[in-house]
Amino acid sequence: MLLFSQILEIPRETAALLEKPDAGLYFDWGPDSSRYLQHVDRRPMPPDPDRLLELLGLPEDQGKPEVLPGLDGVKYKQDESD
């Protein structure tokens, strides 16, 4: 069930700003103007999850599970003292 629908217009200048991958558009209700006000926000792209260990300065093999042959479980390197 649809409760509310609103058509919002985006000017060409704003649309051009949205072509960048770090740009986003949101609308806030302006009670003084009784209309929705647009805002363009730019945020840096999140880091690549594949590079997380490198960004943290950790060796690439740290934290990766080691599958033990013949067993169904996974043993983590930090649990090797067991």
Protein backbone atom coordinates (compact mmCIF):
# COMPACT_ATOMS: atom_id res chain seq x y z
CA MET A 1 0.00 0.00 0.00
CA LEU A 2 1.47 3.32 -1.09
CA LEU A 3 1.18 5.99 1.60
CA PHE A 4 2.86 8.92 -0.11
CA SER A 5 4.40 9.87 -3.43
CA GLN A 6 6.25 13.05 -4.36
CA ILE A 7 7.74 14.15 -7.68
CA LEU A 8 11.07 15.93 -7.23
CA GLU A 9 12.88 17.83 -9.96
CA ILE A 10 16.65 17.75 -10.39
CA PRO A 11 18.18 20.68 -12.33
CA ARG A 12 20.74 19.91 -15.06
CA GLU A 13 23.53 21.49 -13.00
CA THR A 14 22.79 19.15 -10.11
CA ALA A 15 22.56 16.13 -12.43
CA ALA A 16 26.01 17.00 -13.79
CA LEU A 17 27.44 16.89 -10.24
CA LEU A 18 25.99 13.41 -9.77
CA GLU A 19 28.10 11.99 -12.60
CA LYS A 20 31.02 11.68 -10.20
CA PRO A 21 31.17 8.31 -8.37
CA ASP A 22 31.54 9.94 -4.93
CA ALA A 23 28.46 12.19 -5.25
CA GLY A 24 25.00 11.59 -3.86
CA LEU A 25 21.77 13.55 -3.71
CA TYR A 26 19.28 13.78 -0.89
CA PHE A 27 16.29 15.96 -0.14
CA ASP A 28 15.28 17.56 3.18
CA TRP A 29 11.93 19.11 3.93
CA GLY A 30 12.23 22.86 4.39
CA PRO A 31 9.39 23.86 6.71
CA ASP A 32 10.01 27.60 6.17
CA SER A 33 9.80 27.26 2.40
CA SER A 34 7.23 24.41 2.46
CA ARG A 35 9.21 22.45 -0.11
CA TYR A 36 11.95 19.86 -0.39
CA LEU A 37 15.47 21.27 -0.55
CA GLN A 38 18.14 19.34 -2.42
CA HIS A 39 21.65 18.71 -1.17
CA VAL A 40 24.56 17.19 -3.07
CA ASP A 41 26.98 15.37 -0.80
CA ARG A 42 30.41 14.07 -1.80
CA ARG A 43 32.04 11.27 0.14
CA PRO A 44 35.26 9.44 -0.57
CA MET A 45 34.90 5.96 -1.96
CA PRO A 46 35.19 3.25 0.73
CA PRO A 47 38.46 1.32 0.77
CA ASP A 48 38.70 -1.87 -1.25
CA PRO A 49 37.94 -4.77 1.14
CA ASP A 50 40.57 -6.87 -0.62
CA ARG A 51 43.18 -4.30 0.49
CA LEU A 52 42.00 -4.13 4.13
CA LEU A 53 44.93 -6.08 5.58
CA GLU A 54 47.37 -3.97 3.57
CA LEU A 55 45.75 -0.74 4.79
CA LEU A 56 45.97 -1.99 8.38
CA GLY A 57 49.65 -2.82 7.88
CA LEU A 58 49.14 -6.55 8.52
CA PRO A 59 50.70 -9.43 6.60
CA GLU A 60 48.39 -10.86 3.95
CA ASP A 61 48.26 -14.36 5.46
CA GLN A 62 47.25 -13.12 8.95
CA GLY A 63 43.67 -13.93 9.86
CA LYS A 64 43.04 -16.34 7.00
CA PRO A 65 41.66 -19.73 8.09
CA GLU A 66 43.74 -22.85 7.59
CA VAL A 67 41.72 -25.92 6.63
CA LEU A 68 43.10 -29.04 8.26
CA PRO A 69 43.25 -32.11 6.00
CA GLY A 70 40.83 -34.88 6.90
CA LEU A 71 38.78 -32.69 9.26
CA ASP A 72 35.56 -30.82 8.63
CA GLY A 73 36.52 -27.91 10.91
CA VAL A 74 38.62 -24.83 10.38
CA LYS A 75 41.51 -24.02 12.67
CA TYR A 76 42.64 -20.40 12.88
CA LYS A 77 46.30 -19.59 13.27
CA GLN A 78 45.68 -17.70 16.51
CA ASP A 79 44.15 -20.90 18.01
CA GLU A 80 47.21 -23.08 17.32
CA SER A 81 48.15 -23.13 21.02
CA ASP A 82 45.21 -25.52 21.69
